[in-house]
Amino acid sequence: MKHANVALFVPNVGCPHRCSFCDQRSISGETRLPGAEDVARAAETARRSLKEKSRFAEIAFFGGSFTAMNRDYMCSLLEAAAPYVQKGLFAGIRISTRPDAADEETLKLLRRYGVTAVELGAQSMDDEVLRKNGRGHTAKDVETASARIRADGFSLGLQMMTGLYGDDEKGAERTARALAALHPDTVRIYPTIVMEGTELAERYRRGEYRPMALSRAVDLCCTLLGFFQERGIRVIRLGLHSTPELERGRLAGPWHPAFRELCESRMMLRNITAYLGREKVPQGDLLIRVSPSCVSRATGQKRCNLSALLSLGYRAEITADDTVAPFSFAVTKSEGR
């Protein structure tokens, strides 16, 4: 079943550091702290909209360093969420935190409240990149916390960023390999966006930082998506979700409201062109059958994939076929049109 959760954002509370890229209020769209009543309200709303599917969803706390915030406040949120899991109304509770805020005592507390998944904001596994971006933790902290989380029986999620100050494609690929070696259950990939009011915005204005172009970011994240999928690691988020605050505060960077679809579309084009070359398919007219859910991805935004195939000598027609698995395809030569 598709990943789902009831997301509650706790913007930048308790975090002892100010990362170069961080403006959680604009990124999350939240300007106030949620209380126990907000947790209950969100859970009840989700129950009504999801109906029976709510049993497979999680109550998730994102946006800040959850376990680094005031302990009483953190527990009040968990106390509000826990009954919904205990009664079987939701599958579990998911939290996101820093790698250096997941010690044994904290994990035991999370377990008591029914937390089932812990995500770590690793962002990079290069200590120099972490230092340049003011993260305040090391790659070793990520490794230690990940091992502890898995040993304690939680589902492990890891988050990485591409295009960070001081990083490049090769660095992102090294980070992906290092994260995969920690055996996470899920991964999130976020291209770096320059937000107003951040240190990165000042570096951008001084010409010290240049964000990735959208096409370059799509190429890289397409590669990372394929890398994790080949290893059976679910990528549950690609790109920041859209909020009015994000759009107002965004200064520069590779943001797109359908970033994941762009990456999946690029992946389909790569796979199709690789197949055509490997099988030595003669140039000409092609019929490419795909799952109904993948017609737009195979076609590409503004028919860009069809244009790319045409530049290689293939005039392709994309058609829906229920017998083809999602993200797979079947190619046959077609009569000239």
C-alpha atoms as a PDB file:
ATOM      1  CA  MET A   1       0.000   0.000   0.000  1.00  0.00           C
ATOM      2  CA  LYS A   2       1.156   3.529  -0.770  1.00  0.00           C
ATOM      3  CA  HIS A   3       2.916   5.261   2.098  1.00  0.00           C
ATOM      4  CA  ALA A   4       0.534   7.545   4.012  1.00  0.00           C
ATOM      5  CA  ASN A   5       0.689   9.531   7.197  1.00  0.00           C
ATOM      6  CA  VAL A   6      -1.036  12.207   9.222  1.00  0.00           C
ATOM      7  CA  ALA A   7       1.673  14.864   9.206  1.00  0.00           C
ATOM      8  CA  LEU A   8       2.068  17.339  12.048  1.00  0.00           C
ATOM      9  CA  PHE A   9       4.870  19.867  11.699  1.00  0.00           C
ATOM     10  CA  VAL A  10       6.801  21.075  14.739  1.00  0.00           C
ATOM     11  CA  PRO A  11       8.967  23.850  13.242  1.00  0.00           C
ATOM     12  CA  ASN A  12      12.554  24.077  14.450  1.00  0.00           C
ATOM     13  CA  VAL A  13      11.869  23.561  18.145  1.00  0.00           C
ATOM     14  CA  GLY A  14      14.707  22.439  20.387  1.00  0.00           C
ATOM     15  CA  CYS A  15      17.286  22.252  17.622  1.00  0.00           C
ATOM     16  CA  PRO A  16      20.633  23.473  19.014  1.00  0.00           C
ATOM     17  CA  HIS A  17      21.958  24.413  15.562  1.00  0.00           C
ATOM     18  CA  ARG A  18      21.027  26.679  12.677  1.00  0.00           C
ATOM     19  CA  CYS A  19      21.906  24.873   9.468  1.00  0.00           C
ATOM     20  CA  SER A  20      22.874  26.942   6.433  1.00  0.00           C
ATOM     21  CA  PHE A  21      19.725  25.989   4.528  1.00  0.00           C
ATOM     22  CA  CYS A  22      17.208  25.917   7.363  1.00  0.00           C
ATOM     23  CA  ASP A  23      14.009  27.940   7.535  1.00  0.00           C
ATOM     24  CA  GLN A  24      11.587  25.369   8.905  1.00  0.00           C
ATOM     25  CA  ARG A  25       8.658  27.761   9.163  1.00  0.00           C
ATOM     26  CA  SER A  26       8.718  28.451   5.430  1.00  0.00           C
ATOM     27  CA  ILE A  27       9.543  24.865   4.475  1.00  0.00           C
ATOM     28  CA  SER A  28       6.804  23.284   6.564  1.00  0.00           C
ATOM     29  CA  GLY A  29       4.254  26.051   6.206  1.00  0.00           C
ATOM     30  CA  GLU A  30       3.761  26.125   9.976  1.00  0.00           C
ATOM     31  CA  THR A  31       4.135  29.253  12.091  1.00  0.00           C
ATOM     32  CA  ARG A  32       2.903  27.945  15.451  1.00  0.00           C
ATOM     33  CA  LEU A  33       3.516  24.900  17.595  1.00  0.00           C
ATOM     34  CA  PRO A  34       0.853  22.183  17.520  1.00  0.00           C
ATOM     35  CA  GLY A  35      -0.667  21.069  20.807  1.00  0.00           C
ATOM     36  CA  ALA A  36      -2.297  17.850  21.966  1.00  0.00           C
ATOM     37  CA  GLU A  37      -5.662  19.082  20.676  1.00  0.00           C
ATOM     38  CA  ASP A  38      -4.152  19.583  17.202  1.00  0.00           C
ATOM     39  CA  VAL A  39      -2.903  15.992  17.217  1.00  0.00           C
ATOM     40  CA  ALA A  40      -6.361  14.687  18.105  1.00  0.00           C
ATOM     41  CA  ARG A  41      -8.041  16.930  15.531  1.00  0.00           C
ATOM     42  CA  ALA A  42      -5.686  15.824  12.745  1.00  0.00           C
ATOM     43  CA  ALA A  43      -6.116  12.152  13.652  1.00  0.00           C
ATOM     44  CA  GLU A  44      -9.915  12.405  13.677  1.00  0.00           C
ATOM     45  CA  THR A  45      -9.940  14.245  10.347  1.00  0.00           C
ATOM     46  CA  ALA A  46      -7.702  11.576   8.826  1.00  0.00           C
ATOM     47  CA  ARG A  47      -9.917   8.800  10.176  1.00  0.00           C
ATOM     48  CA  ARG A  48     -12.931  10.319   8.448  1.00  0.00           C
ATOM     49  CA  SER A  49     -11.155  10.833   5.124  1.00  0.00           C
ATOM     50  CA  LEU A  50      -9.121   7.610   5.040  1.00  0.00           C
ATOM     51  CA  LYS A  51     -11.831   5.405   6.600  1.00  0.00           C
ATOM     52  CA  GLU A  52     -10.510   1.823   6.820  1.00  0.00           C
ATOM     53  CA  LYS A  53      -7.212   2.842   5.232  1.00  0.00           C
ATOM     54  CA  SER A  54      -6.309   4.789   8.370  1.00  0.00           C
ATOM     55  CA  ARG A  55      -5.254   1.470   9.917  1.00  0.00           C
ATOM     56  CA  PHE A  56      -2.292   1.488   7.526  1.00  0.00           C
ATOM     57  CA  ALA A  57      -1.359   5.150   8.073  1.00  0.00           C
ATOM     58  CA  GLU A  58       1.004   6.670  10.618  1.00  0.00           C
ATOM     59  CA  ILE A  59       0.765   9.745  12.815  1.00  0.00           C
ATOM     60  CA  ALA A  60       3.968  11.577  11.934  1.00  0.00           C
ATOM     61  CA  PHE A  61       5.799  14.454  13.607  1.00  0.00           C
ATOM     62  CA  PHE A  62       8.086  16.313  11.204  1.00  0.00           C
ATOM     63  CA  GLY A  63       9.692  19.695  10.742  1.00  0.00           C
ATOM     64  CA  GLY A  64      12.039  19.965  13.715  1.00  0.00           C
ATOM     65  CA  SER A  65      14.331  17.932  15.928  1.00  0.00           C
ATOM     66  CA  PHE A  66      11.528  16.110  17.713  1.00  0.00           C
ATOM     67  CA  THR A  67      13.583  14.447  20.438  1.00  0.00           C
ATOM     68  CA  ALA A  68      15.667  17.588  21.105  1.00  0.00           C
ATOM     69  CA  MET A  69      12.667  19.694  22.102  1.00  0.00           C
ATOM     70  CA  ASN A  70      11.345  20.238  25.627  1.00  0.00           C
ATOM     71  CA  ARG A  71      10.680  16.762  26.999  1.00  0.00           C
ATOM     72  CA  ASP A  72       7.321  17.609  28.589  1.00  0.00           C
ATOM     73  CA  TYR A  73       6.063  19.144  25.353  1.00  0.00           C
ATOM     74  CA  MET A  74       7.275  16.165  23.321  1.00  0.00           C
ATOM     75  CA  CYS A  75       5.540  13.736  25.674  1.00  0.00           C
ATOM     76  CA  SER A  76       2.295  15.723  25.496  1.00  0.00           C
ATOM     77  CA  LEU A  77       2.213  15.234  21.731  1.00  0.00           C
ATOM     78  CA  LEU A  78       3.013  11.538  22.006  1.00  0.00           C
ATOM     79  CA  GLU A  79       0.389  11.063  24.730  1.00  0.00           C
ATOM     80  CA  ALA A  80      -2.216  12.528  22.377  1.00  0.00           C
ATOM     81  CA  ALA A  81      -1.170  10.238  19.513  1.00  0.00           C
ATOM     82  CA  ALA A  82      -0.582   6.995  21.433  1.00  0.00           C
ATOM     83  CA  PRO A  83      -4.252   5.994  22.039  1.00  0.00           C
ATOM     84  CA  TYR A  84      -4.946   5.975  18.302  1.00  0.00           C
ATOM     85  CA  VAL A  85      -2.198   3.404  17.815  1.00  0.00           C
ATOM     86  CA  GLN A  86      -3.096   1.375  20.906  1.00  0.00           C
ATOM     87  CA  LYS A  87      -6.682   1.044  19.651  1.00  0.00           C
ATOM     88  CA  GLY A  88      -5.500  -0.079  16.208  1.00  0.00           C
ATOM     89  CA  LEU A  89      -6.885   3.019  14.490  1.00  0.00           C
ATOM     90  CA  PHE A  90      -3.459   3.901  13.030  1.00  0.00           C
ATOM     91  CA  ALA A  91      -0.449   1.735  12.242  1.00  0.00           C
ATOM     92  CA  GLY A  92       2.081   3.654  14.300  1.00  0.00           C
ATOM     93  CA  ILE A  93       3.816   6.907  15.145  1.00  0.00           C
ATOM     94  CA  ARG A  94       6.695   8.256  13.053  1.00  0.00           C
ATOM     95  CA  ILE A  95       9.081  10.947  14.245  1.00  0.00           C
ATOM     96  CA  SER A  96      11.965  12.822  12.635  1.00  0.00           C
ATOM     97  CA  THR A  97      15.029  13.985  14.545  1.00  0.00           C
ATOM     98  CA  ARG A  98      18.757  14.685  14.495  1.00  0.00           C
ATOM     99  CA  PRO A  99      21.339  11.867  14.525  1.00  0.00           C
ATOM    100  CA  ASP A 100      22.816  13.231  17.771  1.00  0.00           C
ATOM    101  CA  ALA A 101      19.439  13.277  19.554  1.00  0.00           C
ATOM    102  CA  ALA A 102      18.628   9.565  19.530  1.00  0.00           C
ATOM    103  CA  ASP A 103      20.305   8.095  22.606  1.00  0.00           C
ATOM    104  CA  GLU A 104      19.204   4.896  24.355  1.00  0.00           C
ATOM    105  CA  GLU A 105      17.135   6.667  27.006  1.00  0.00           C
ATOM    106  CA  THR A 106      15.257   8.680  24.388  1.00  0.00           C
ATOM    107  CA  LEU A 107      14.516   5.626  22.255  1.00  0.00           C
ATOM    108  CA  LYS A 108      13.149   3.769  25.281  1.00  0.00           C
ATOM    109  CA  LEU A 109      10.818   6.693  25.945  1.00  0.00           C
ATOM    110  CA  LEU A 110       9.651   6.704  22.329  1.00  0.00           C
ATOM    111  CA  ARG A 111       8.973   2.977  22.507  1.00  0.00           C
ATOM    112  CA  ARG A 112       6.788   3.438  25.596  1.00  0.00           C
ATOM    113  CA  TYR A 113       4.560   5.826  23.674  1.00  0.00           C
ATOM    114  CA  GLY A 114       4.177   3.496  20.706  1.00  0.00           C
ATOM    115  CA  VAL A 115       6.564   5.166  18.266  1.00  0.00           C
ATOM    116  CA  THR A 116       7.270   2.704  15.462  1.00  0.00           C
ATOM    117  CA  ALA A 117       9.510   4.635  13.050  1.00  0.00           C
ATOM    118  CA  VAL A 118      12.401   7.028  13.611  1.00  0.00           C
ATOM    119  CA  GLU A 119      13.806   9.119  10.767  1.00  0.00           C
ATOM    120  CA  LEU A 120      17.211  10.766  10.978  1.00  0.00           C
ATOM    121  CA  GLY A 121      18.108  13.937   9.115  1.00  0.00           C
ATOM    122  CA  ALA A 122      21.500  12.734   7.917  1.00  0.00           C
ATOM    123  CA  GLN A 123      21.593  15.125   4.904  1.00  0.00           C
ATOM    124  CA  SER A 124      25.174  14.117   4.001  1.00  0.00           C
ATOM    125  CA  MET A 125      27.721  11.504   5.022  1.00  0.00           C
ATOM    126  CA  ASP A 126      30.657  13.801   4.282  1.00  0.00           C
ATOM    127  CA  ASP A 127      31.932  15.428   7.474  1.00  0.00           C
ATOM    128  CA  GLU A 128      33.293  18.442   5.610  1.00  0.00           C
ATOM    129  CA  VAL A 129      29.934  19.084   3.924  1.00  0.00           C
ATOM    130  CA  LEU A 130      28.201  18.713   7.292  1.00  0.00           C
ATOM    131  CA  ARG A 131      30.623  21.202   8.842  1.00  0.00           C
ATOM    132  CA  LYS A 132      30.228  23.754   6.046  1.00  0.00           C
ATOM    133  CA  ASN A 133      26.461  23.647   6.442  1.00  0.00           C
ATOM    134  CA  GLY A 134      26.469  23.993  10.229  1.00  0.00           C
ATOM    135  CA  ARG A 135      24.887  20.615  10.930  1.00  0.00           C
ATOM    136  CA  GLY A 136      26.671  20.098  14.244  1.00  0.00           C
ATOM    137  CA  HIS A 137      26.934  16.306  13.899  1.00  0.00           C
ATOM    138  CA  THR A 138      29.158  13.853  12.047  1.00  0.00           C
ATOM    139  CA  ALA A 139      28.655  10.924   9.709  1.00  0.00           C
ATOM    140  CA  LYS A 140      29.654   8.674  12.612  1.00  0.00           C
ATOM    141  CA  ASP A 141      26.703  10.048  14.592  1.00  0.00           C
ATOM    142  CA  VAL A 142      24.402   8.901  11.785  1.00  0.00           C
ATOM    143  CA  GLU A 143      25.941   5.422  11.791  1.00  0.00           C
ATOM    144  CA  THR A 144      25.722   5.080  15.582  1.00  0.00           C
ATOM    145  CA  ALA A 145      22.133   6.314  15.817  1.00  0.00           C
ATOM    146  CA  SER A 146      21.012   4.153  12.883  1.00  0.00           C
ATOM    147  CA  ALA A 147      22.437   1.004  14.456  1.00  0.00           C
ATOM    148  CA  ARG A 148      20.783   1.873  17.768  1.00  0.00           C
ATOM    149  CA  ILE A 149      17.392   2.518  16.137  1.00  0.00           C
ATOM    150  CA  ARG A 150      17.454  -0.763  14.234  1.00  0.00           C
ATOM    151  CA  ALA A 151      18.626  -2.705  17.287  1.00  0.00           C
ATOM    152  CA  ASP A 152      15.711  -1.301  19.302  1.00  0.00           C
ATOM    153  CA  GLY A 153      13.203  -2.554  16.744  1.00  0.00           C
ATOM    154  CA  PHE A 154      12.155   0.732  15.137  1.00  0.00           C
ATOM    155  CA  SER A 155      11.699   1.203  11.423  1.00  0.00           C
ATOM    156  CA  LEU A 156      14.669   3.308  10.294  1.00  0.00           C
ATOM    157  CA  GLY A 157      14.241   6.233   7.920  1.00  0.00           C
ATOM    158  CA  LEU A 158      17.132   8.308   6.589  1.00  0.00           C
ATOM    159  CA  GLN A 159      16.937  11.705   4.931  1.00  0.00           C
ATOM    160  CA  MET A 160      19.532  13.143   2.558  1.00  0.00           C
ATOM    161  CA  MET A 161      19.913  16.403   0.655  1.00  0.00           C
ATOM    162  CA  THR A 162      21.444  17.031  -2.750  1.00  0.00           C
ATOM    163  CA  GLY A 163      23.187  20.199  -3.866  1.00  0.00           C
ATOM    164  CA  LEU A 164      24.340  21.265  -0.408  1.00  0.00           C
ATOM    165  CA  TYR A 165      26.988  23.960  -0.084  1.00  0.00           C
ATOM    166  CA  GLY A 166      30.324  22.244  -0.718  1.00  0.00           C
ATOM    167  CA  ASP A 167      28.753  19.100  -2.189  1.00  0.00           C
ATOM    168  CA  ASP A 168      28.328  17.783  -5.748  1.00  0.00           C
ATOM    169  CA  GLU A 169      26.879  14.795  -7.608  1.00  0.00           C
ATOM    170  CA  LYS A 170      29.711  12.451  -6.684  1.00  0.00           C
ATOM    171  CA  GLY A 171      29.375  13.443  -3.049  1.00  0.00           C
ATOM    172  CA  ALA A 172      25.631  12.791  -3.121  1.00  0.00           C
ATOM    173  CA  GLU A 173      26.234   9.366  -4.640  1.00  0.00           C
ATOM    174  CA  ARG A 174      28.765   8.570  -1.900  1.00  0.00           C
ATOM    175  CA  THR A 175      26.196   9.641   0.692  1.00  0.00           C
ATOM    176  CA  ALA A 176      23.597   7.371  -0.912  1.00  0.00           C
ATOM    177  CA  ARG A 177      25.981   4.406  -0.759  1.00  0.00           C
ATOM    178  CA  ALA A 178      26.806   5.143   2.880  1.00  0.00           C
ATOM    179  CA  LEU A 179      23.118   5.427   3.799  1.00  0.00           C
ATOM    180  CA  ALA A 180      22.226   2.205   1.981  1.00  0.00           C
ATOM    181  CA  ALA A 181      24.934   0.417   3.983  1.00  0.00           C
ATOM    182  CA  LEU A 182      22.973   1.307   7.146  1.00  0.00           C
ATOM    183  CA  HIS A 183      19.986  -0.721   5.861  1.00  0.00           C
ATOM    184  CA  PRO A 184      17.219   1.864   6.219  1.00  0.00           C
ATOM    185  CA  ASP A 185      13.628   0.873   5.575  1.00  0.00           C
ATOM    186  CA  THR A 186      12.856   4.226   3.957  1.00  0.00           C
ATOM    187  CA  VAL A 187      14.688   7.210   2.499  1.00  0.00           C
ATOM    188  CA  ARG A 188      13.716  10.792   1.698  1.00  0.00           C
ATOM    189  CA  ILE A 189      15.672  12.868  -0.819  1.00  0.00           C
ATOM    190  CA  TYR A 190      15.483  16.662  -0.746  1.00  0.00           C
ATOM    191  CA  PRO A 191      17.219  18.903  -3.307  1.00  0.00           C
ATOM    192  CA  THR A 192      18.595  21.991  -1.562  1.00  0.00           C
ATOM    193  CA  ILE A 193      16.396  25.074  -1.951  1.00  0.00           C
ATOM    194  CA  VAL A 194      17.672  28.558  -1.080  1.00  0.00           C
ATOM    195  CA  MET A 195      15.225  30.128   1.375  1.00  0.00           C
ATOM    196  CA  GLU A 196      15.100  33.789   2.368  1.00  0.00           C
ATOM    197  CA  GLY A 197      16.517  34.501   5.804  1.00  0.00           C
ATOM    198  CA  THR A 198      19.058  31.669   5.760  1.00  0.00           C
ATOM    199  CA  GLU A 199      22.842  31.632   5.720  1.00  0.00           C
ATOM    200  CA  LEU A 200      22.648  29.938   2.333  1.00  0.00           C
ATOM    201  CA  ALA A 201      20.692  32.912   0.971  1.00  0.00           C
ATOM    202  CA  GLU A 202      23.540  35.201   2.000  1.00  0.00           C
ATOM    203  CA  ARG A 203      26.092  32.918   0.348  1.00  0.00           C
ATOM    204  CA  TYR A 204      23.935  32.863  -2.777  1.00  0.00           C
ATOM    205  CA  ARG A 205      23.761  36.662  -2.899  1.00  0.00           C
ATOM    206  CA  ARG A 206      27.530  36.929  -2.430  1.00  0.00           C
ATOM    207  CA  GLY A 207      28.084  34.496  -5.289  1.00  0.00           C
ATOM    208  CA  GLU A 208      29.591  31.851  -3.002  1.00  0.00           C
ATOM    209  CA  TYR A 209      26.869  29.286  -3.623  1.00  0.00           C
ATOM    210  CA  ARG A 210      25.137  28.298  -6.833  1.00  0.00           C
ATOM    211  CA  PRO A 211      22.122  25.977  -6.545  1.00  0.00           C
ATOM    212  CA  MET A 212      21.621  23.125  -8.963  1.00  0.00           C
ATOM    213  CA  ALA A 213      19.553  23.778 -12.068  1.00  0.00           C
ATOM    214  CA  LEU A 214      16.299  21.834 -12.128  1.00  0.00           C
ATOM    215  CA  SER A 215      17.342  19.497 -14.946  1.00  0.00           C
ATOM    216  CA  ARG A 216      20.643  18.685 -13.213  1.00  0.00           C
ATOM    217  CA  ALA A 217      18.850  17.994  -9.929  1.00  0.00           C
ATOM    218  CA  VAL A 218      16.361  15.736 -11.714  1.00  0.00           C
ATOM    219  CA  ASP A 219      19.215  13.800 -13.332  1.00  0.00           C
ATOM    220  CA  LEU A 220      20.944  13.278  -9.991  1.00  0.00           C
ATOM    221  CA  CYS A 221      17.813  12.385  -8.032  1.00  0.00           C
ATOM    222  CA  CYS A 222      16.720  10.018 -10.800  1.00  0.00           C
ATOM    223  CA  THR A 223      20.036   8.189 -10.346  1.00  0.00           C
ATOM    224  CA  LEU A 224      19.623   8.116  -6.558  1.00  0.00           C
ATOM    225  CA  LEU A 225      16.022   6.905  -6.833  1.00  0.00           C
ATOM    226  CA  GLY A 226      17.115   3.990  -9.015  1.00  0.00           C
ATOM    227  CA  PHE A 227      20.021   3.216  -6.688  1.00  0.00           C
ATOM    228  CA  PHE A 228      17.781   2.865  -3.631  1.00  0.00           C
ATOM    229  CA  GLN A 229      15.028   1.003  -5.476  1.00  0.00           C
ATOM    230  CA  GLU A 230      17.513  -1.584  -6.760  1.00  0.00           C
ATOM    231  CA  ARG A 231      18.370  -2.315  -3.117  1.00  0.00           C
ATOM    232  CA  GLY A 232      14.767  -2.635  -1.991  1.00  0.00           C
ATOM    233  CA  ILE A 233      14.828   0.651  -0.057  1.00  0.00           C
ATOM    234  CA  ARG A 234      11.619   2.667  -0.394  1.00  0.00           C
ATOM    235  CA  VAL A 235      12.033   6.315  -1.329  1.00  0.00           C
ATOM    236  CA  ILE A 236       8.969   7.816   0.336  1.00  0.00           C
ATOM    237  CA  ARG A 237       9.666  11.432  -0.582  1.00  0.00           C
ATOM    238  CA  LEU A 238      11.479  13.199  -3.413  1.00  0.00           C
ATOM    239  CA  GLY A 239      11.469  16.984  -3.100  1.00  0.00           C
ATOM    240  CA  LEU A 240       9.781  19.358  -0.671  1.00  0.00           C
ATOM    241  CA  HIS A 241       6.003  19.421  -0.484  1.00  0.00           C
ATOM    242  CA  SER A 242       4.373  22.584  -1.751  1.00  0.00           C
ATOM    243  CA  THR A 243       3.155  25.255   0.674  1.00  0.00           C
ATOM    244  CA  PRO A 244       2.327  28.948   0.116  1.00  0.00           C
ATOM    245  CA  GLU A 245       5.074  29.821   2.603  1.00  0.00           C
ATOM    246  CA  LEU A 246       7.645  27.806   0.657  1.00  0.00           C
ATOM    247  CA  GLU A 247       6.720  29.528  -2.579  1.00  0.00           C
ATOM    248  CA  ARG A 248       6.905  32.970  -0.960  1.00  0.00           C
ATOM    249  CA  GLY A 249      10.208  32.309   0.812  1.00  0.00           C
ATOM    250  CA  ARG A 250      11.983  30.449  -1.988  1.00  0.00           C
ATOM    251  CA  LEU A 251      14.830  32.499  -3.425  1.00  0.00           C
ATOM    252  CA  ALA A 252      16.450  29.964  -5.761  1.00  0.00           C
ATOM    253  CA  GLY A 253      16.982  26.268  -6.329  1.00  0.00           C
ATOM    254  CA  PRO A 254      15.504  23.259  -8.134  1.00  0.00           C
ATOM    255  CA  TRP A 255      11.966  23.241  -6.799  1.00  0.00           C
ATOM    256  CA  HIS A 256       9.037  21.831  -8.783  1.00  0.00           C
ATOM    257  CA  PRO A 257       5.568  20.877  -7.479  1.00  0.00           C
ATOM    258  CA  ALA A 258       5.848  17.482  -9.204  1.00  0.00           C
ATOM    259  CA  PHE A 259       9.559  16.874  -8.665  1.00  0.00           C
ATOM    260  CA  ARG A 260       9.190  13.151  -8.067  1.00  0.00           C
ATOM    261  CA  GLU A 261       7.213  12.693 -11.268  1.00  0.00           C
ATOM    262  CA  LEU A 262       9.974  14.486 -13.187  1.00  0.00           C
ATOM    263  CA  CYS A 263      12.519  12.036 -11.734  1.00  0.00           C
ATOM    264  CA  GLU A 264      10.368   8.998 -12.473  1.00  0.00           C
ATOM    265  CA  SER A 265       9.772  10.276 -15.990  1.00  0.00           C
ATOM    266  CA  ARG A 266      13.522  10.691 -16.528  1.00  0.00           C
ATOM    267  CA  MET A 267      14.054   7.173 -15.214  1.00  0.00           C
ATOM    268  CA  MET A 268      11.550   5.743 -17.679  1.00  0.00           C
ATOM    269  CA  LEU A 269      13.284   7.537 -20.541  1.00  0.00           C
ATOM    270  CA  ARG A 270      16.655   6.178 -19.425  1.00  0.00           C
ATOM    271  CA  ASN A 271      15.298   2.644 -19.196  1.00  0.00           C
ATOM    272  CA  ILE A 272      13.578   2.824 -22.578  1.00  0.00           C
ATOM    273  CA  THR A 273      16.620   4.232 -24.381  1.00  0.00           C
ATOM    274  CA  ALA A 274      18.867   1.657 -22.693  1.00  0.00           C
ATOM    275  CA  TYR A 275      16.543  -1.103 -23.899  1.00  0.00           C
ATOM    276  CA  LEU A 276      16.495   0.242 -27.457  1.00  0.00           C
ATOM    277  CA  GLY A 277      20.284   0.331 -27.543  1.00  0.00           C
ATOM    278  CA  ARG A 278      20.760  -3.037 -25.861  1.00  0.00           C
ATOM    279  CA  GLU A 279      18.293  -4.791 -28.163  1.00  0.00           C
ATOM    280  CA  LYS A 280      19.520  -2.865 -31.218  1.00  0.00           C
ATOM    281  CA  VAL A 281      15.962  -1.848 -32.089  1.00  0.00           C
ATOM    282  CA  PRO A 282      15.938  -0.267 -35.583  1.00  0.00           C
ATOM    283  CA  GLN A 283      14.930   3.366 -35.837  1.00  0.00           C
ATOM    284  CA  GLY A 284      11.382   4.086 -36.892  1.00  0.00           C
ATOM    285  CA  ASP A 285       7.892   3.962 -35.435  1.00  0.00           C
ATOM    286  CA  LEU A 286       7.434   2.361 -32.018  1.00  0.00           C
ATOM    287  CA  LEU A 287       4.476   1.428 -29.859  1.00  0.00           C
ATOM    288  CA  ILE A 288       5.394   1.600 -26.167  1.00  0.00           C
ATOM    289  CA  ARG A 289       2.865   0.039 -23.794  1.00  0.00           C
ATOM    290  CA  VAL A 290       2.953   1.082 -20.138  1.00  0.00           C
ATOM    291  CA  SER A 291       0.782   0.817 -17.048  1.00  0.00           C
ATOM    292  CA  PRO A 292      -2.130   3.317 -17.089  1.00  0.00           C
ATOM    293  CA  SER A 293      -0.575   4.994 -14.029  1.00  0.00           C
ATOM    294  CA  CYS A 294       2.641   5.645 -15.961  1.00  0.00           C
ATOM    295  CA  VAL A 295       1.387   7.117 -19.235  1.00  0.00           C
ATOM    296  CA  SER A 296       2.251  10.694 -18.235  1.00  0.00           C
ATOM    297  CA  ARG A 297       5.648   9.638 -16.871  1.00  0.00           C
ATOM    298  CA  ALA A 298       6.518   7.742 -20.049  1.00  0.00           C
ATOM    299  CA  THR A 299       5.371  10.656 -22.206  1.00  0.00           C
ATOM    300  CA  GLY A 300       7.260  13.225 -20.137  1.00  0.00           C
ATOM    301  CA  GLN A 301       6.387  16.771 -19.185  1.00  0.00           C
ATOM    302  CA  LYS A 302       5.418  18.665 -22.341  1.00  0.00           C
ATOM    303  CA  ARG A 303       6.068  15.392 -24.235  1.00  0.00           C
ATOM    304  CA  CYS A 304       9.800  15.755 -23.570  1.00  0.00           C
ATOM    305  CA  ASN A 305      10.445  11.996 -23.576  1.00  0.00           C
ATOM    306  CA  LEU A 306       8.794  11.626 -26.982  1.00  0.00           C
ATOM    307  CA  SER A 307      10.950  14.484 -28.263  1.00  0.00           C
ATOM    308  CA  ALA A 308      14.076  12.824 -26.859  1.00  0.00           C
ATOM    309  CA  LEU A 309      13.198   9.534 -28.550  1.00  0.00           C
ATOM    310  CA  LEU A 310      12.497  11.360 -31.807  1.00  0.00           C
ATOM    311  CA  SER A 311      15.970  12.903 -31.668  1.00  0.00           C
ATOM    312  CA  LEU A 312      17.311   9.332 -31.574  1.00  0.00           C
ATOM    313  CA  GLY A 313      15.283   8.370 -34.631  1.00  0.00           C
ATOM    314  CA  TYR A 314      12.276   6.790 -32.905  1.00  0.00           C
ATOM    315  CA  ARG A 315       8.749   8.092 -33.429  1.00  0.00           C
ATOM    316  CA  ALA A 316       7.030   6.663 -30.372  1.00  0.00           C
ATOM    317  CA  GLU A 317       3.411   6.303 -29.362  1.00  0.00           C
ATOM    318  CA  ILE A 318       2.662   5.690 -25.681  1.00  0.00           C
ATOM    319  CA  THR A 319      -0.420   3.639 -24.854  1.00  0.00           C
ATOM    320  CA  ALA A 320      -1.930   2.322 -21.618  1.00  0.00           C
ATOM    321  CA  ASP A 321      -1.964  -1.433 -20.985  1.00  0.00           C
ATOM    322  CA  ASP A 322      -3.319  -2.966 -17.763  1.00  0.00           C
ATOM    323  CA  THR A 323      -1.095  -6.027 -18.197  1.00  0.00           C
ATOM    324  CA  VAL A 324       2.139  -4.016 -17.903  1.00  0.00           C
ATOM    325  CA  ALA A 325       3.501  -3.517 -14.372  1.00  0.00           C
ATOM    326  CA  PRO A 326       4.021   0.045 -13.099  1.00  0.00           C
ATOM    327  CA  PHE A 327       7.284   1.573 -14.379  1.00  0.00           C
ATOM    328  CA  SER A 328       7.811  -1.342 -16.765  1.00  0.00           C
ATOM    329  CA  PHE A 329       7.176  -1.112 -20.503  1.00  0.00           C
ATOM    330  CA  ALA A 330       6.780  -3.231 -23.625  1.00  0.00           C
ATOM    331  CA  VAL A 331       8.125  -2.048 -26.979  1.00  0.00           C
ATOM    332  CA  THR A 332       6.953  -3.213 -30.389  1.00  0.00           C
ATOM    333  CA  LYS A 333       7.559  -1.861 -33.857  1.00  0.00           C
ATOM    334  CA  SER A 334       4.448  -0.227 -35.266  1.00  0.00           C
ATOM    335  CA  GLU A 335       3.254   0.519 -38.747  1.00  0.00           C
ATOM    336  CA  GLY A 336       4.168   3.972 -40.023  1.00  0.00           C
ATOM    337  CA  ARG A 337       1.712   6.694 -39.167  1.00  0.00           C
END
